[in-house]
Amino acid sequence: MARRLYLGRLPPDARSEDVAKFFDGYGRIIDCRVMTGFGFVEFESSKDAEDAVDHFNGKPFMGANIVVEFAKESRPRRDVYESDRGGFGPPGIRLIVSGISRDTSWQDLKDFGREAGSVSFADIDRDNPGQGILEYLSRDDADRAVKDLDGKDLRGRPVRVAYDDARGGPDNYRALRHANGDGGWAR
């Protein structure tokens, strides 16, 4: 039985901590991710997940009646994907955009990022107010974004665009690192 739940109609200012607190007492949560307007929560036990769906679907949360249902598992998770070579490859070079206004949507951020190149992922970080995430598949596009977009106005406010220091490494790839120079990839 599934343990991962989809949460819909979340208020735009909902954070992971708010969701975890909402489900407190319904079992151990092993993963909780909140995006703009939706999120996912994964319980350790499928029974706890089932109880949460039965009890919380349609209930008020931060002023909105939320949707709580079992997540569809048809798509692989974004953390890892298979490349054309049959191995695993990096999903993107991550940049942090800081100084964004509270009314900026992920769509606004993605449109802003497209001024520098092809954006593979964009989201507003609700756990860190005023921050967003842009990812580019190309190092050239990421370099161009830092050079051209840093200090530029987004929805009337100047923003900072910089590489995500938490990633480390020369290529700043999300979740994956090149291993031992043998052409393979490893976590």
Protein backbone atom coordinates (compact mmCIF):
# COMPACT_ATOMS: atom_id res chain seq x y z
CA MET A 1 0.00 0.00 0.00
CA ALA A 2 1.18 3.53 -0.76
CA ARG A 3 2.69 5.76 1.90
CA ARG A 4 3.16 8.95 -0.14
CA LEU A 5 0.34 11.51 -0.20
CA TYR A 6 -0.40 14.38 -2.54
CA LEU A 7 -1.58 17.61 -0.89
CA GLY A 8 -3.54 20.01 -3.07
CA ARG A 9 -5.00 23.49 -2.62
CA LEU A 10 -2.34 24.45 -0.10
CA PRO A 11 -2.23 28.16 0.75
CA PRO A 12 0.65 29.92 -1.05
CA ASP A 13 2.42 30.72 2.24
CA ALA A 14 2.31 27.12 3.57
CA ARG A 15 5.68 25.72 4.63
CA SER A 16 6.92 22.19 5.27
CA GLU A 17 6.88 22.82 9.04
CA ASP A 18 3.20 23.88 8.86
CA VAL A 19 2.25 20.68 7.01
CA ALA A 20 4.25 18.42 9.34
CA LYS A 21 2.57 20.05 12.36
CA PHE A 22 -0.88 19.63 10.73
CA PHE A 23 -0.32 15.86 10.41
CA ASP A 24 1.24 15.55 13.88
CA GLY A 25 -0.12 12.54 15.72
CA TYR A 26 -0.94 10.53 12.59
CA GLY A 27 2.32 8.63 12.35
CA ARG A 28 5.98 9.25 11.62
CA ILE A 29 6.59 11.44 8.56
CA ILE A 30 9.74 10.51 6.63
CA ASP A 31 9.50 13.16 3.87
CA CYS A 32 7.60 16.42 3.52
CA ARG A 33 7.90 18.74 0.50
CA VAL A 34 5.86 21.87 -0.06
CA MET A 35 5.77 23.77 -3.34
CA THR A 36 3.55 26.68 -4.29
CA GLY A 37 -0.04 25.48 -3.86
CA PHE A 38 0.71 21.78 -3.46
CA GLY A 39 3.01 19.34 -1.76
CA PHE A 40 3.78 15.76 -0.78
CA VAL A 41 4.07 14.01 2.55
CA GLU A 42 5.35 10.47 3.01
CA PHE A 43 4.59 8.41 6.09
CA GLU A 44 6.68 5.54 7.42
CA SER A 45 3.57 3.34 7.54
CA SER A 46 0.96 2.83 4.81
CA LYS A 47 -1.70 2.49 7.53
CA ASP A 48 -0.81 5.95 8.87
CA ALA A 49 -1.02 7.37 5.32
CA GLU A 50 -4.45 5.79 4.84
CA ASP A 51 -5.66 7.22 8.16
CA ALA A 52 -4.38 10.67 7.16
CA VAL A 53 -6.30 10.56 3.86
CA ASP A 54 -9.49 9.49 5.64
CA HIS A 55 -9.18 12.16 8.33
CA PHE A 56 -7.70 15.20 6.52
CA ASN A 57 -9.07 15.22 2.94
CA GLY A 58 -11.27 18.31 2.54
CA LYS A 59 -10.42 19.65 6.01
CA PRO A 60 -9.44 23.29 6.62
CA PHE A 61 -5.72 24.06 6.74
CA MET A 62 -4.51 27.66 7.14
CA GLY A 63 -7.85 28.94 5.87
CA ALA A 64 -8.27 26.61 2.87
CA ASN A 65 -9.92 23.19 2.51
CA ILE A 66 -7.09 21.01 1.26
CA VAL A 67 -7.02 17.89 -0.88
CA VAL A 68 -5.26 14.89 0.66
CA GLU A 69 -5.02 11.79 -1.53
CA PHE A 70 -2.58 9.05 -2.43
CA ALA A 71 0.12 10.34 -4.79
CA LYS A 72 0.34 8.92 -8.29
CA GLU A 73 3.57 6.99 -8.63
CA SER A 74 3.78 6.91 -12.42
CA ARG A 75 6.61 9.46 -12.73
CA PRO A 76 10.11 8.87 -11.40
CA ARG A 77 11.23 11.31 -8.74
CA ARG A 78 13.26 14.32 -9.91
CA ASP A 79 16.24 13.48 -7.73
CA VAL A 80 17.63 10.97 -10.20
CA TYR A 81 17.03 10.39 -13.89
CA GLU A 82 18.46 8.17 -16.57
CA SER A 83 20.47 9.87 -19.28
CA ASP A 84 20.64 8.88 -22.96
CA ARG A 85 23.86 6.98 -22.19
CA GLY A 86 21.95 4.55 -20.00
CA GLY A 87 23.69 5.82 -16.86
CA PHE A 88 22.61 8.49 -14.47
CA GLY A 89 23.21 12.18 -15.11
CA PRO A 90 22.76 15.55 -13.50
CA PRO A 91 19.33 17.18 -13.60
CA GLY A 92 20.60 20.74 -13.40
CA ILE A 93 22.92 23.46 -12.20
CA ARG A 94 21.17 25.18 -9.32
CA LEU A 95 21.09 28.91 -8.70
CA ILE A 96 19.57 30.71 -5.72
CA VAL A 97 17.60 33.87 -6.41
CA SER A 98 17.26 36.04 -3.30
CA GLY A 99 15.39 39.24 -2.58
CA ILE A 100 12.20 38.21 -4.42
CA SER A 101 8.87 39.63 -3.32
CA ARG A 102 6.25 37.48 -1.55
CA ASP A 103 3.86 37.78 -4.50
CA THR A 104 6.35 36.29 -6.99
CA SER A 105 5.16 32.96 -8.43
CA TRP A 106 7.33 30.14 -9.72
CA GLN A 107 6.05 31.02 -13.21
CA ASP A 108 7.31 34.61 -12.79
CA LEU A 109 10.67 33.26 -11.65
CA LYS A 110 10.92 30.82 -14.58
CA ASP A 111 10.05 33.57 -17.09
CA PHE A 112 12.71 35.79 -15.48
CA GLY A 113 15.27 32.96 -15.72
CA ARG A 114 14.47 32.33 -19.40
CA GLU A 115 16.01 35.71 -20.19
CA ALA A 116 19.39 33.98 -19.71
CA GLY A 117 18.69 30.57 -21.25
CA SER A 118 16.76 27.34 -21.00
CA VAL A 119 15.40 26.84 -17.46
CA SER A 120 14.92 23.18 -16.47
CA PHE A 121 13.34 23.87 -13.06
CA ALA A 122 12.06 26.85 -11.06
CA ASP A 123 10.32 27.15 -7.70
CA ILE A 124 9.77 29.55 -4.84
CA ASP A 125 11.35 28.35 -1.60
CA ARG A 126 8.52 28.72 0.94
CA ASP A 127 10.81 27.59 3.76
CA ASN A 128 13.15 30.55 3.09
CA PRO A 129 11.02 33.64 2.40
CA GLY A 130 12.40 35.87 -0.32
CA GLN A 131 14.28 33.02 -2.05
CA GLY A 132 13.71 31.05 -5.21
CA ILE A 133 15.48 28.32 -7.14
CA LEU A 134 16.42 28.26 -10.82
CA GLU A 135 18.10 25.30 -12.51
CA TYR A 136 19.74 25.18 -15.92
CA LEU A 137 20.95 22.08 -17.78
CA SER A 138 23.72 24.08 -19.44
CA ARG A 139 26.69 25.58 -17.58
CA ASP A 140 26.73 28.42 -20.17
CA ASP A 141 23.10 29.31 -19.43
CA ALA A 142 23.77 29.24 -15.66
CA ASP A 143 26.84 31.46 -16.08
CA ARG A 144 24.82 33.86 -18.24
CA ALA A 145 22.04 33.97 -15.63
CA VAL A 146 24.46 34.92 -12.85
CA LYS A 147 26.14 37.54 -15.06
CA ASP A 148 23.02 39.07 -16.65
CA LEU A 149 20.27 38.62 -14.05
CA ASP A 150 22.11 39.43 -10.81
CA GLY A 151 20.94 42.87 -9.68
CA LYS A 152 18.11 42.99 -12.23
CA ASP A 153 14.51 43.78 -11.21
CA LEU A 154 11.98 40.97 -10.80
CA ARG A 155 8.46 42.25 -10.16
CA GLY A 156 9.83 45.66 -9.21
CA ARG A 157 12.58 44.49 -6.83
CA PRO A 158 16.29 44.01 -7.53
CA VAL A 159 17.30 40.39 -6.90
CA ARG A 160 20.56 38.53 -6.32
CA VAL A 161 21.34 35.51 -8.51
CA ALA A 162 24.17 33.23 -7.38
CA TYR A 163 25.28 29.61 -7.49
CA ASP A 164 23.92 27.43 -4.69
CA ASP A 165 26.92 27.14 -2.35
CA ALA A 166 25.33 24.20 -0.53
CA ARG A 167 25.81 22.07 -3.63
CA GLY A 168 29.58 22.27 -3.66
CA GLY A 169 31.76 20.88 -6.40
CA PRO A 170 32.74 22.51 -9.67
CA ASP A 171 29.51 21.69 -11.50
CA ASN A 172 26.99 22.17 -8.68
CA TYR A 173 24.80 19.26 -9.83
CA ARG A 174 21.72 18.44 -7.80
CA ALA A 175 22.03 15.18 -5.82
CA LEU A 176 24.65 13.56 -8.05
CA ARG A 177 28.44 13.74 -8.32
CA HIS A 178 30.82 12.39 -10.96
CA ALA A 179 32.65 9.38 -9.55
CA ASN A 180 36.32 8.39 -9.82
CA GLY A 181 36.79 9.69 -13.39
CA ASP A 182 35.48 6.41 -14.79
CA GLY A 183 32.56 8.04 -16.62
CA GLY A 184 30.01 6.78 -14.11
CA TRP A 185 27.86 8.74 -11.72
CA ALA A 186 27.42 8.24 -8.01
CA ARG A 187 25.51 9.86 -5.17
